[in-house]
Amino acid sequence: MDKIVLLGFGGHAKSVIDCIERQGQYEIVGFLDKKERKNIRYRGYSVIGEDDDLDRLYKQNIKNAFVAIGFLGRSTIREQLYERLKKAGFHLPNIIDPSAVLANGVLLGEGNFVGKFAMLNADTKIGNMCIINSGARIEHECKVGDFSHVSVNTVLCGQVTVGTRTFVGAGATLLQGIIVGDSSIIAAGVTVRKDVKDCELVYEASDIRTRSLK
């Protein structure tokens, strides 16, 4: 079984670990995290180093890595780690829970997480390093850009486009054909009925109230 190292530990990492164990394709060697977190243990896994140890691990024939931190209010950390892993030569697999349903024709980049009971319908395209969380419903012909996070129980109706580095909150609904720009945030529970610009926060369902994130 191929070995894999996880970058970062927290609540999202626990979900990632469970999916990897359920997939049965990779052996987790441990986490990379900050030095002060070296005593962390979870399900027998521990912190085995910091980000600066990536080259050492790669030379030890650990060729697979996965970023196991969530959105954290912004996607820049995940993006920076992705670029570092690519530069070091690591393979970033997609971690997909066995309970998720992916239709024929779904295209995924690399380093994506697809959680429990998520559904991706026909001709959906997911970029790199996205989080499609538990129970998310992404309908036919949707597109989700790199480093974006689609939260728990979110619904993307058909032909929705979500830009890069965008966060869609839990239980939000994006109606058919909606386009959401880059680096935007859709608050939890909002129903989006019209397009959203880049760097815009949609925070109220009634009349789609927004403000700029710039």
N, C-alpha and C. Protein backbone atom coordinates (compact mmCIF):
# COMPACT_ATOMS: atom_id res chain seq x y z
N MET A 1 0.85 -1.19 0.00
CA MET A 1 0.00 0.00 0.00
C MET A 1 0.89 1.25 0.00
N ASP A 2 0.58 2.20 -0.87
CA ASP A 2 1.37 3.44 -0.94
C ASP A 2 1.20 4.26 0.33
N LYS A 3 2.27 4.95 0.71
CA LYS A 3 2.24 5.78 1.91
C LYS A 3 1.83 7.21 1.56
N ILE A 4 1.21 7.88 2.55
CA ILE A 4 0.78 9.26 2.36
C ILE A 4 1.02 10.04 3.64
N VAL A 5 1.45 11.29 3.51
CA VAL A 5 1.62 12.18 4.65
C VAL A 5 0.56 13.28 4.57
N LEU A 6 0.04 13.67 5.72
CA LEU A 6 -0.99 14.71 5.79
C LEU A 6 -0.37 16.00 6.33
N LEU A 7 -0.76 17.11 5.73
CA LEU A 7 -0.27 18.42 6.17
C LEU A 7 -1.34 19.09 7.02
N GLY A 8 -1.04 19.30 8.30
CA GLY A 8 -1.95 19.97 9.20
C GLY A 8 -2.88 19.01 9.92
N PHE A 9 -3.19 19.36 11.19
CA PHE A 9 -4.12 18.54 11.96
C PHE A 9 -5.18 19.42 12.62
N GLY A 10 -6.42 18.98 12.53
CA GLY A 10 -7.55 19.66 13.13
C GLY A 10 -8.80 18.85 12.86
N GLY A 11 -9.96 19.49 13.00
CA GLY A 11 -11.21 18.78 12.77
C GLY A 11 -11.34 18.22 11.37
N HIS A 12 -10.95 19.02 10.36
CA HIS A 12 -11.04 18.53 8.98
C HIS A 12 -10.12 17.34 8.76
N ALA A 13 -8.95 17.37 9.39
CA ALA A 13 -8.01 16.25 9.23
C ALA A 13 -8.63 14.93 9.72
N LYS A 14 -9.45 15.01 10.77
CA LYS A 14 -10.10 13.79 11.25
C LYS A 14 -11.03 13.20 10.20
N SER A 15 -11.74 14.08 9.49
CA SER A 15 -12.61 13.60 8.40
C SER A 15 -11.79 13.00 7.27
N VAL A 16 -10.66 13.64 6.95
CA VAL A 16 -9.77 13.13 5.90
C VAL A 16 -9.24 11.75 6.27
N ILE A 17 -8.80 11.60 7.52
CA ILE A 17 -8.28 10.32 7.98
C ILE A 17 -9.33 9.23 7.83
N ASP A 18 -10.55 9.52 8.26
CA ASP A 18 -11.60 8.51 8.18
C ASP A 18 -11.85 8.08 6.74
N CYS A 19 -11.85 9.05 5.81
CA CYS A 19 -12.06 8.71 4.40
C CYS A 19 -10.90 7.87 3.85
N ILE A 20 -9.67 8.24 4.21
CA ILE A 20 -8.52 7.47 3.73
C ILE A 20 -8.58 6.04 4.24
N GLU A 21 -8.92 5.88 5.51
CA GLU A 21 -9.02 4.53 6.06
C GLU A 21 -10.12 3.74 5.36
N ARG A 22 -11.23 4.40 5.07
CA ARG A 22 -12.34 3.72 4.40
C ARG A 22 -12.01 3.40 2.94
N GLN A 23 -11.23 4.25 2.30
CA GLN A 23 -10.80 3.97 0.93
C GLN A 23 -9.90 2.74 0.87
N GLY A 24 -9.00 2.64 1.83
CA GLY A 24 -8.09 1.50 1.88
C GLY A 24 -7.00 1.50 0.82
N GLN A 25 -6.66 2.69 0.31
CA GLN A 25 -5.65 2.77 -0.76
C GLN A 25 -4.30 3.28 -0.29
N TYR A 26 -4.27 3.96 0.86
CA TYR A 26 -3.04 4.59 1.34
C TYR A 26 -2.80 4.27 2.81
N GLU A 27 -1.52 4.18 3.15
CA GLU A 27 -1.10 4.05 4.54
C GLU A 27 -0.65 5.42 5.04
N ILE A 28 -1.31 5.94 6.05
CA ILE A 28 -0.98 7.25 6.60
C ILE A 28 0.26 7.13 7.48
N VAL A 29 1.30 7.90 7.18
CA VAL A 29 2.53 7.84 7.98
C VAL A 29 2.51 8.86 9.12
N GLY A 30 1.63 9.86 9.05
CA GLY A 30 1.53 10.86 10.09
C GLY A 30 1.26 12.24 9.53
N PHE A 31 1.40 13.24 10.41
CA PHE A 31 1.13 14.64 10.05
C PHE A 31 2.41 15.45 10.00
N LEU A 32 2.37 16.52 9.22
CA LEU A 32 3.33 17.60 9.34
C LEU A 32 2.59 18.79 9.93
N ASP A 33 3.14 19.39 10.96
CA ASP A 33 2.49 20.52 11.61
C ASP A 33 3.55 21.34 12.33
N LYS A 34 3.12 22.35 13.07
CA LYS A 34 4.05 23.21 13.79
C LYS A 34 4.76 22.42 14.89
N LYS A 35 5.98 22.86 15.20
CA LYS A 35 6.82 22.16 16.18
C LYS A 35 6.12 22.02 17.53
N GLU A 36 5.37 23.07 17.93
CA GLU A 36 4.72 23.03 19.24
C GLU A 36 3.57 22.03 19.31
N ARG A 37 3.20 21.43 18.19
CA ARG A 37 2.12 20.45 18.18
C ARG A 37 2.65 19.02 18.02
N LYS A 38 3.92 18.83 18.31
CA LYS A 38 4.59 17.55 18.06
C LYS A 38 4.02 16.40 18.91
N ASN A 39 3.33 16.71 20.01
CA ASN A 39 2.81 15.66 20.89
C ASN A 39 1.40 15.22 20.54
N ILE A 40 0.84 15.74 19.47
CA ILE A 40 -0.52 15.36 19.05
C ILE A 40 -0.56 13.90 18.61
N ARG A 41 -1.57 13.19 19.07
CA ARG A 41 -1.82 11.81 18.64
C ARG A 41 -3.29 11.67 18.28
N TYR A 42 -3.57 10.92 17.21
CA TYR A 42 -4.96 10.66 16.83
C TYR A 42 -5.02 9.33 16.08
N ARG A 43 -5.78 8.40 16.60
CA ARG A 43 -5.95 7.07 16.00
C ARG A 43 -4.60 6.41 15.69
N GLY A 44 -3.62 6.66 16.54
CA GLY A 44 -2.31 6.06 16.33
C GLY A 44 -1.39 6.86 15.42
N TYR A 45 -1.88 7.95 14.84
CA TYR A 45 -1.06 8.81 13.99
C TYR A 45 -0.52 9.97 14.81
N SER A 46 0.65 10.46 14.46
CA SER A 46 1.27 11.54 15.22
C SER A 46 1.95 12.53 14.29
N VAL A 47 2.36 13.65 14.85
CA VAL A 47 3.12 14.65 14.10
C VAL A 47 4.55 14.14 13.93
N ILE A 48 5.00 14.00 12.69
CA ILE A 48 6.32 13.43 12.41
C ILE A 48 7.30 14.47 11.89
N GLY A 49 6.87 15.73 11.84
CA GLY A 49 7.77 16.77 11.38
C GLY A 49 7.01 18.03 11.02
N GLU A 50 7.73 18.94 10.37
CA GLU A 50 7.17 20.20 9.92
C GLU A 50 7.21 20.26 8.40
N ASP A 51 6.69 21.34 7.82
CA ASP A 51 6.67 21.47 6.36
C ASP A 51 8.06 21.40 5.77
N ASP A 52 9.06 21.83 6.51
CA ASP A 52 10.43 21.80 6.01
C ASP A 52 10.97 20.38 5.85
N ASP A 53 10.23 19.39 6.36
CA ASP A 53 10.65 17.99 6.24
C ASP A 53 10.13 17.32 4.98
N LEU A 54 9.45 18.06 4.12
CA LEU A 54 8.87 17.46 2.92
C LEU A 54 9.92 16.79 2.04
N ASP A 55 11.02 17.48 1.81
CA ASP A 55 12.06 16.91 0.95
C ASP A 55 12.62 15.63 1.54
N ARG A 56 12.81 15.62 2.87
CA ARG A 56 13.32 14.42 3.54
C ARG A 56 12.36 13.24 3.36
N LEU A 57 11.08 13.50 3.52
CA LEU A 57 10.10 12.43 3.38
C LEU A 57 10.02 11.93 1.94
N TYR A 58 10.12 12.85 1.00
CA TYR A 58 10.08 12.44 -0.41
C TYR A 58 11.25 11.51 -0.73
N LYS A 59 12.41 11.82 -0.18
CA LYS A 59 13.59 10.97 -0.39
C LYS A 59 13.44 9.62 0.28
N GLN A 60 12.54 9.54 1.27
CA GLN A 60 12.26 8.28 1.95
C GLN A 60 11.14 7.49 1.25
N ASN A 61 10.87 7.89 0.02
CA ASN A 61 9.90 7.21 -0.85
C ASN A 61 8.45 7.39 -0.41
N ILE A 62 8.18 8.50 0.29
CA ILE A 62 6.79 8.89 0.56
C ILE A 62 6.43 9.92 -0.49
N LYS A 63 5.72 9.48 -1.51
CA LYS A 63 5.48 10.31 -2.70
C LYS A 63 4.10 10.94 -2.73
N ASN A 64 3.23 10.58 -1.78
CA ASN A 64 1.86 11.08 -1.76
C ASN A 64 1.67 12.01 -0.56
N ALA A 65 0.93 13.09 -0.77
CA ALA A 65 0.66 14.05 0.30
C ALA A 65 -0.74 14.61 0.12
N PHE A 66 -1.32 15.07 1.24
CA PHE A 66 -2.65 15.65 1.19
C PHE A 66 -2.74 16.77 2.20
N VAL A 67 -3.29 17.91 1.79
CA VAL A 67 -3.48 19.05 2.68
C VAL A 67 -4.76 18.82 3.48
N ALA A 68 -4.62 18.62 4.79
CA ALA A 68 -5.74 18.21 5.63
C ALA A 68 -6.26 19.34 6.51
N ILE A 69 -6.00 20.59 6.10
CA ILE A 69 -6.57 21.73 6.81
C ILE A 69 -7.74 22.28 5.99
N GLY A 70 -8.71 22.87 6.69
CA GLY A 70 -9.88 23.41 6.01
C GLY A 70 -9.63 24.81 5.48
N PHE A 71 -10.73 25.51 5.20
CA PHE A 71 -10.67 26.83 4.57
C PHE A 71 -10.03 27.87 5.48
N LEU A 72 -10.27 27.80 6.79
CA LEU A 72 -9.67 28.69 7.79
C LEU A 72 -9.90 30.18 7.50
N GLY A 73 -11.04 30.49 6.91
CA GLY A 73 -11.35 31.88 6.62
C GLY A 73 -10.76 32.41 5.33
N ARG A 74 -9.86 31.68 4.76
CA ARG A 74 -9.25 32.06 3.49
C ARG A 74 -8.58 30.83 2.90
N SER A 75 -8.36 30.81 1.59
CA SER A 75 -7.80 29.64 0.93
C SER A 75 -6.31 29.77 0.66
N THR A 76 -5.71 30.89 1.04
CA THR A 76 -4.31 31.14 0.65
C THR A 76 -3.35 30.13 1.25
N ILE A 77 -3.62 29.69 2.49
CA ILE A 77 -2.72 28.70 3.11
C ILE A 77 -2.74 27.40 2.33
N ARG A 78 -3.91 26.93 1.97
CA ARG A 78 -4.02 25.70 1.19
C ARG A 78 -3.34 25.86 -0.18
N GLU A 79 -3.51 27.02 -0.77
CA GLU A 79 -2.88 27.27 -2.07
C GLU A 79 -1.36 27.26 -1.95
N GLN A 80 -0.82 27.90 -0.92
CA GLN A 80 0.63 27.92 -0.72
C GLN A 80 1.19 26.52 -0.49
N LEU A 81 0.47 25.73 0.30
CA LEU A 81 0.92 24.36 0.55
C LEU A 81 0.86 23.52 -0.72
N TYR A 82 -0.17 23.73 -1.52
CA TYR A 82 -0.28 23.02 -2.81
C TYR A 82 0.93 23.31 -3.69
N GLU A 83 1.26 24.58 -3.81
CA GLU A 83 2.40 24.96 -4.66
C GLU A 83 3.70 24.37 -4.13
N ARG A 84 3.83 24.33 -2.82
CA ARG A 84 5.04 23.76 -2.22
C ARG A 84 5.13 22.25 -2.49
N LEU A 85 4.02 21.57 -2.35
CA LEU A 85 4.00 20.13 -2.61
C LEU A 85 4.29 19.80 -4.06
N LYS A 86 3.72 20.58 -4.98
CA LYS A 86 3.98 20.36 -6.40
C LYS A 86 5.45 20.58 -6.74
N LYS A 87 6.01 21.62 -6.16
CA LYS A 87 7.42 21.92 -6.40
C LYS A 87 8.32 20.79 -5.91
N ALA A 88 7.93 20.17 -4.80
CA ALA A 88 8.71 19.07 -4.23
C ALA A 88 8.51 17.76 -4.97
N GLY A 89 7.49 17.69 -5.85
CA GLY A 89 7.27 16.50 -6.66
C GLY A 89 6.22 15.54 -6.15
N PHE A 90 5.50 15.90 -5.10
CA PHE A 90 4.51 15.00 -4.53
C PHE A 90 3.30 14.80 -5.45
N HIS A 91 2.72 13.63 -5.34
CA HIS A 91 1.42 13.34 -5.96
C HIS A 91 0.34 13.66 -4.94
N LEU A 92 -0.69 14.40 -5.38
CA LEU A 92 -1.80 14.78 -4.51
C LEU A 92 -3.07 14.05 -4.96
N PRO A 93 -3.39 12.94 -4.33
CA PRO A 93 -4.57 12.18 -4.76
C PRO A 93 -5.86 12.87 -4.33
N ASN A 94 -6.94 12.46 -4.94
CA ASN A 94 -8.27 12.87 -4.48
C ASN A 94 -8.73 11.90 -3.40
N ILE A 95 -9.17 12.45 -2.28
CA ILE A 95 -9.68 11.62 -1.19
C ILE A 95 -11.20 11.68 -1.23
N ILE A 96 -11.82 10.57 -1.59
CA ILE A 96 -13.26 10.51 -1.83
C ILE A 96 -13.86 9.44 -0.92
N ASP A 97 -14.77 9.83 -0.06
CA ASP A 97 -15.40 8.85 0.82
C ASP A 97 -16.19 7.83 -0.02
N PRO A 98 -16.12 6.55 0.35
CA PRO A 98 -16.86 5.53 -0.41
C PRO A 98 -18.36 5.75 -0.48
N SER A 99 -18.92 6.54 0.45
CA SER A 99 -20.36 6.79 0.41
C SER A 99 -20.75 7.88 -0.58
N ALA A 100 -19.78 8.64 -1.08
CA ALA A 100 -20.07 9.70 -2.05
C ALA A 100 -20.49 9.09 -3.38
N VAL A 101 -21.31 9.83 -4.14
CA VAL A 101 -21.79 9.36 -5.45
C VAL A 101 -21.29 10.32 -6.51
N LEU A 102 -20.48 9.80 -7.43
CA LEU A 102 -19.96 10.59 -8.54
C LEU A 102 -20.49 9.99 -9.84
N ALA A 103 -21.21 10.80 -10.59
CA ALA A 103 -21.79 10.33 -11.86
C ALA A 103 -20.70 10.11 -12.90
N ASN A 104 -21.04 9.35 -13.91
CA ASN A 104 -20.14 9.22 -15.06
C ASN A 104 -19.92 10.59 -15.70
N GLY A 105 -18.70 10.88 -16.07
CA GLY A 105 -18.39 12.15 -16.71
C GLY A 105 -17.93 13.24 -15.76
N VAL A 106 -17.93 12.97 -14.45
CA VAL A 106 -17.41 13.95 -13.49
C VAL A 106 -15.89 14.03 -13.64
N LEU A 107 -15.37 15.24 -13.68
CA LEU A 107 -13.93 15.45 -13.80
C LEU A 107 -13.42 16.14 -12.54
N LEU A 108 -12.36 15.57 -11.96
CA LEU A 108 -11.74 16.16 -10.78
C LEU A 108 -10.26 16.40 -11.06
N GLY A 109 -9.76 17.53 -10.55
CA GLY A 109 -8.33 17.80 -10.63
C GLY A 109 -7.59 16.93 -9.63
N GLU A 110 -6.76 17.54 -8.79
CA GLU A 110 -6.01 16.77 -7.81
C GLU A 110 -6.11 17.42 -6.43
N GLY A 111 -5.88 16.60 -5.40
CA GLY A 111 -5.88 17.11 -4.04
C GLY A 111 -7.24 17.48 -3.50
N ASN A 112 -8.30 16.99 -4.11
CA ASN A 112 -9.66 17.32 -3.67
C ASN A 112 -10.14 16.37 -2.57
N PHE A 113 -11.01 16.89 -1.70
CA PHE A 113 -11.67 16.08 -0.69
C PHE A 113 -13.17 16.06 -0.99
N VAL A 114 -13.74 14.87 -1.06
CA VAL A 114 -15.19 14.70 -1.25
C VAL A 114 -15.71 13.88 -0.08
N GLY A 115 -16.54 14.51 0.76
CA GLY A 115 -16.96 13.90 2.02
C GLY A 115 -18.13 12.94 1.91
N LYS A 116 -18.57 12.49 3.06
CA LYS A 116 -19.61 11.47 3.15
C LYS A 116 -20.93 11.93 2.53
N PHE A 117 -21.48 11.06 1.69
CA PHE A 117 -22.80 11.24 1.08
C PHE A 117 -22.89 12.50 0.20
N ALA A 118 -21.75 13.02 -0.22
CA ALA A 118 -21.78 14.08 -1.24
C ALA A 118 -22.21 13.48 -2.57
N MET A 119 -22.80 14.30 -3.43
CA MET A 119 -23.24 13.84 -4.74
C MET A 119 -22.78 14.82 -5.81
N LEU A 120 -22.09 14.31 -6.81
CA LEU A 120 -21.65 15.12 -7.95
C LEU A 120 -22.28 14.52 -9.19
N ASN A 121 -23.12 15.29 -9.87
CA ASN A 121 -23.87 14.75 -10.99
C ASN A 121 -23.13 14.93 -12.32
N ALA A 122 -23.79 14.53 -13.40
CA ALA A 122 -23.15 14.38 -14.71
C ALA A 122 -22.46 15.65 -15.19
N ASP A 123 -21.26 15.47 -15.73
CA ASP A 123 -20.48 16.53 -16.38
C ASP A 123 -20.08 17.67 -15.44
N THR A 124 -20.06 17.39 -14.15
CA THR A 124 -19.52 18.35 -13.18
C THR A 124 -18.00 18.37 -13.29
N LYS A 125 -17.42 19.56 -13.12
CA LYS A 125 -15.97 19.72 -13.18
C LYS A 125 -15.49 20.39 -11.89
N ILE A 126 -14.60 19.71 -11.19
CA ILE A 126 -14.02 20.22 -9.95
C ILE A 126 -12.54 20.48 -10.19
N GLY A 127 -12.05 21.64 -9.78
CA GLY A 127 -10.66 21.98 -10.03
C GLY A 127 -9.70 21.25 -9.12
N ASN A 128 -8.66 21.93 -8.66
CA ASN A 128 -7.66 21.35 -7.76
C ASN A 128 -7.89 21.85 -6.33
N MET A 129 -7.63 20.98 -5.37
CA MET A 129 -7.60 21.36 -3.95
C MET A 129 -8.92 21.92 -3.44
N CYS A 130 -10.02 21.37 -3.92
CA CYS A 130 -11.34 21.79 -3.43
C CYS A 130 -11.79 20.89 -2.28
N ILE A 131 -12.66 21.44 -1.44
CA ILE A 131 -13.34 20.65 -0.41
C ILE A 131 -14.82 20.60 -0.77
N ILE A 132 -15.32 19.41 -1.02
CA ILE A 132 -16.75 19.18 -1.26
C ILE A 132 -17.24 18.41 -0.04
N ASN A 133 -17.85 19.09 0.89
CA ASN A 133 -18.06 18.50 2.20
C ASN A 133 -19.31 17.61 2.27
N SER A 134 -19.50 17.01 3.43
CA SER A 134 -20.52 15.98 3.63
C SER A 134 -21.90 16.46 3.19
N GLY A 135 -22.57 15.64 2.41
CA GLY A 135 -23.94 15.91 2.02
C GLY A 135 -24.13 17.00 0.98
N ALA A 136 -23.04 17.54 0.44
CA ALA A 136 -23.16 18.56 -0.61
C ALA A 136 -23.78 17.94 -1.86
N ARG A 137 -24.63 18.72 -2.54
CA ARG A 137 -25.26 18.26 -3.78
C ARG A 137 -24.84 19.20 -4.91
N ILE A 138 -24.08 18.67 -5.84
CA ILE A 138 -23.60 19.46 -6.98
C ILE A 138 -24.21 18.85 -8.23
N GLU A 139 -25.11 19.58 -8.84
CA GLU A 139 -25.89 19.03 -9.95
C GLU A 139 -25.14 19.10 -11.29
N HIS A 140 -25.83 18.68 -12.33
CA HIS A 140 -25.22 18.49 -13.65
C HIS A 140 -24.56 19.76 -14.19
N GLU A 141 -23.40 19.61 -14.79
CA GLU A 141 -22.69 20.65 -15.53
C GLU A 141 -22.23 21.82 -14.66
N CYS A 142 -22.08 21.58 -13.38
CA CYS A 142 -21.53 22.63 -12.52
C CYS A 142 -20.01 22.66 -12.63
N LYS A 143 -19.43 23.80 -12.28
CA LYS A 143 -17.98 23.95 -12.26
C LYS A 143 -17.57 24.60 -10.93
N VAL A 144 -16.58 24.03 -10.28
CA VAL A 144 -16.05 24.58 -9.04
C VAL A 144 -14.56 24.82 -9.23
N GLY A 145 -14.13 26.07 -9.04
CA GLY A 145 -12.75 26.44 -9.30
C GLY A 145 -11.79 26.01 -8.21
N ASP A 146 -10.49 26.10 -8.51
CA ASP A 146 -9.43 25.68 -7.60
C ASP A 146 -9.56 26.32 -6.23
N PHE A 147 -9.22 25.56 -5.19
CA PHE A 147 -9.10 26.03 -3.81
C PHE A 147 -10.43 26.51 -3.21
N SER A 148 -11.53 26.10 -3.78
CA SER A 148 -12.83 26.50 -3.24
C SER A 148 -13.37 25.45 -2.28
N HIS A 149 -14.29 25.88 -1.43
CA HIS A 149 -14.85 25.02 -0.38
C HIS A 149 -16.37 25.08 -0.48
N VAL A 150 -16.99 23.92 -0.73
CA VAL A 150 -18.44 23.80 -0.77
C VAL A 150 -18.85 23.05 0.49
N SER A 151 -19.55 23.74 1.38
CA SER A 151 -19.77 23.23 2.74
C SER A 151 -20.88 22.19 2.83
N VAL A 152 -21.07 21.72 4.05
CA VAL A 152 -22.03 20.68 4.38
C VAL A 152 -23.44 21.05 3.90
N ASN A 153 -24.08 20.10 3.21
CA ASN A 153 -25.49 20.21 2.78
C ASN A 153 -25.77 21.39 1.86
N THR A 154 -24.76 21.88 1.20
CA THR A 154 -24.96 22.92 0.19
C THR A 154 -25.55 22.30 -1.08
N VAL A 155 -26.35 23.09 -1.81
CA VAL A 155 -26.93 22.63 -3.08
C VAL A 155 -26.51 23.59 -4.19
N LEU A 156 -25.84 23.05 -5.19
CA LEU A 156 -25.56 23.78 -6.42
C LEU A 156 -26.47 23.20 -7.49
N CYS A 157 -27.47 23.97 -7.91
CA CYS A 157 -28.36 23.49 -8.97
C CYS A 157 -27.59 23.44 -10.29
N GLY A 158 -28.20 22.95 -11.33
CA GLY A 158 -27.50 22.71 -12.59
C GLY A 158 -26.80 23.93 -13.17
N GLN A 159 -25.64 23.69 -13.79
CA GLN A 159 -24.91 24.69 -14.56
C GLN A 159 -24.46 25.90 -13.73
N VAL A 160 -24.22 25.68 -12.44
CA VAL A 160 -23.68 26.72 -11.57
C VAL A 160 -22.15 26.75 -11.72
N THR A 161 -21.58 27.94 -11.71
CA THR A 161 -20.13 28.11 -11.75
C THR A 161 -19.68 28.80 -10.46
N VAL A 162 -18.75 28.18 -9.76
CA VAL A 162 -18.14 28.77 -8.56
C VAL A 162 -16.68 29.05 -8.89
N GLY A 163 -16.24 30.27 -8.66
CA GLY A 163 -14.89 30.67 -9.02
C GLY A 163 -13.83 30.06 -8.12
N THR A 164 -12.59 30.52 -8.26
CA THR A 164 -11.49 30.03 -7.46
C THR A 164 -11.48 30.70 -6.08
N ARG A 165 -10.96 29.98 -5.10
CA ARG A 165 -10.75 30.51 -3.74
C ARG A 165 -12.05 31.01 -3.10
N THR A 166 -13.15 30.38 -3.42
CA THR A 166 -14.46 30.83 -2.93
C THR A 166 -15.01 29.85 -1.90
N PHE A 167 -15.72 30.40 -0.92
CA PHE A 167 -16.31 29.60 0.15
C PHE A 167 -17.83 29.68 0.06
N VAL A 168 -18.47 28.51 0.05
CA VAL A 168 -19.93 28.43 0.04
C VAL A 168 -20.37 27.80 1.36
N GLY A 169 -21.07 28.56 2.19
CA GLY A 169 -21.41 28.14 3.54
C GLY A 169 -22.42 27.02 3.62
N ALA A 170 -22.51 26.42 4.78
CA ALA A 170 -23.38 25.26 5.02
C ALA A 170 -24.83 25.58 4.69
N GLY A 171 -25.46 24.66 3.95
CA GLY A 171 -26.87 24.79 3.65
C GLY A 171 -27.25 25.86 2.65
N ALA A 172 -26.27 26.48 2.02
CA ALA A 172 -26.58 27.49 0.99
C ALA A 172 -27.11 26.79 -0.26
N THR A 173 -27.91 27.53 -1.03
CA THR A 173 -28.43 27.03 -2.30
C THR A 173 -28.11 28.03 -3.40
N LEU A 174 -27.49 27.56 -4.46
CA LEU A 174 -27.19 28.39 -5.63
C LEU A 174 -28.08 27.92 -6.77
N LEU A 175 -28.96 28.80 -7.22
CA LEU A 175 -29.95 28.41 -8.23
C LEU A 175 -29.32 28.21 -9.60
N GLN A 176 -30.10 27.59 -10.48
CA GLN A 176 -29.65 27.18 -11.81
C GLN A 176 -28.92 28.31 -12.55
N GLY A 177 -27.73 27.99 -13.04
CA GLY A 177 -27.00 28.89 -13.92
C GLY A 177 -26.28 30.04 -13.24
N ILE A 178 -26.32 30.13 -11.92
CA ILE A 178 -25.68 31.22 -11.20
C ILE A 178 -24.15 31.16 -11.39
N ILE A 179 -23.53 32.32 -11.50
CA ILE A 179 -22.08 32.43 -11.57
C ILE A 179 -21.58 33.17 -10.33
N VAL A 180 -20.70 32.55 -9.58
CA VAL A 180 -20.10 33.16 -8.40
C VAL A 180 -18.63 33.44 -8.71
N GLY A 181 -18.18 34.65 -8.48
CA GLY A 181 -16.83 35.06 -8.83
C GLY A 181 -15.76 34.45 -7.93
N ASP A 182 -14.52 34.87 -8.17
CA ASP A 182 -13.38 34.39 -7.40
C ASP A 182 -13.32 35.05 -6.02
N SER A 183 -12.75 34.34 -5.06
CA SER A 183 -12.46 34.87 -3.72
C SER A 183 -13.69 35.47 -3.04
N SER A 184 -14.84 34.86 -3.27
CA SER A 184 -16.09 35.32 -2.68
C SER A 184 -16.51 34.40 -1.54
N ILE A 185 -17.45 34.87 -0.71
CA ILE A 185 -17.99 34.07 0.38
C ILE A 185 -19.51 34.12 0.33
N ILE A 186 -20.13 32.94 0.34
CA ILE A 186 -21.58 32.82 0.42
C ILE A 186 -21.89 32.34 1.84
N ALA A 187 -22.62 33.13 2.60
CA ALA A 187 -22.91 32.78 4.00
C ALA A 187 -23.80 31.54 4.08
N ALA A 188 -23.78 30.91 5.23
CA ALA A 188 -24.59 29.72 5.46
C ALA A 188 -26.07 30.02 5.30
N GLY A 189 -26.78 29.11 4.64
CA GLY A 189 -28.23 29.20 4.54
C GLY A 189 -28.76 30.16 3.49
N VAL A 190 -27.90 30.86 2.80
CA VAL A 190 -28.35 31.84 1.80
C VAL A 190 -28.81 31.13 0.53
N THR A 191 -29.87 31.64 -0.09
CA THR A 191 -30.26 31.21 -1.42
C THR A 191 -29.82 32.28 -2.41
N VAL A 192 -28.93 31.91 -3.31
CA VAL A 192 -28.35 32.87 -4.26
C VAL A 192 -29.15 32.82 -5.55
N ARG A 193 -29.77 33.95 -5.90
CA ARG A 193 -30.67 34.02 -7.06
C ARG A 193 -30.08 34.83 -8.21
N LYS A 194 -28.94 35.49 -7.99
CA LYS A 194 -28.32 36.24 -9.06
C LYS A 194 -26.81 36.12 -8.94
N ASP A 195 -26.10 36.45 -10.01
CA ASP A 195 -24.65 36.29 -10.04
C ASP A 195 -23.96 37.10 -8.94
N VAL A 196 -22.81 36.58 -8.52
CA VAL A 196 -22.01 37.21 -7.46
C VAL A 196 -20.67 37.61 -8.04
N LYS A 197 -20.25 38.85 -7.78
CA LYS A 197 -18.99 39.36 -8.32
C LYS A 197 -17.80 38.77 -7.58
N ASP A 198 -16.59 39.02 -8.10
CA ASP A 198 -15.36 38.64 -7.40
C ASP A 198 -15.29 39.36 -6.05
N CYS A 199 -14.71 38.70 -5.07
CA CYS A 199 -14.43 39.31 -3.76
C CYS A 199 -15.68 39.92 -3.13
N GLU A 200 -16.78 39.19 -3.19
CA GLU A 200 -18.03 39.69 -2.64
C GLU A 200 -18.56 38.73 -1.58
N LEU A 201 -19.09 39.29 -0.51
CA LEU A 201 -19.72 38.50 0.54
C LEU A 201 -21.23 38.59 0.41
N VAL A 202 -21.87 37.44 0.26
CA VAL A 202 -23.33 37.37 0.25
C VAL A 202 -23.76 36.88 1.62
N TYR A 203 -24.45 37.77 2.39
CA TYR A 203 -24.67 37.45 3.79
C TYR A 203 -26.13 37.42 4.22
N GLU A 204 -27.05 37.71 3.31
CA GLU A 204 -28.46 37.67 3.70
C GLU A 204 -29.29 37.17 2.54
N ALA A 205 -30.19 36.22 2.85
CA ALA A 205 -30.96 35.58 1.78
C ALA A 205 -31.96 36.52 1.13
N SER A 206 -32.61 37.36 1.93
CA SER A 206 -33.64 38.23 1.37
C SER A 206 -33.01 39.36 0.57
N ASP A 207 -33.36 39.44 -0.68
CA ASP A 207 -32.88 40.51 -1.59
C ASP A 207 -31.36 40.46 -1.81
N ILE A 208 -30.71 39.36 -1.43
CA ILE A 208 -29.29 39.12 -1.70
C ILE A 208 -28.44 40.35 -1.32
N ARG A 209 -28.30 40.58 -0.05
CA ARG A 209 -27.44 41.67 0.42
C ARG A 209 -25.98 41.25 0.39
N THR A 210 -25.13 42.16 -0.07
CA THR A 210 -23.73 41.82 -0.23
C THR A 210 -22.86 42.98 0.25
N ARG A 211 -21.58 42.69 0.45
CA ARG A 211 -20.58 43.72 0.63
C ARG A 211 -19.25 43.22 0.08
N SER A 212 -18.38 44.14 -0.27
CA SER A 212 -17.10 43.78 -0.87
C SER A 212 -16.13 43.25 0.18
N LEU A 213 -15.34 42.27 -0.22
CA LEU A 213 -14.29 41.72 0.63
C LEU A 213 -12.94 42.37 0.36
N LYS A 214 -12.87 43.29 -0.60
CA LYS A 214 -11.60 43.91 -0.95
C LYS A 214 -11.16 44.88 0.16
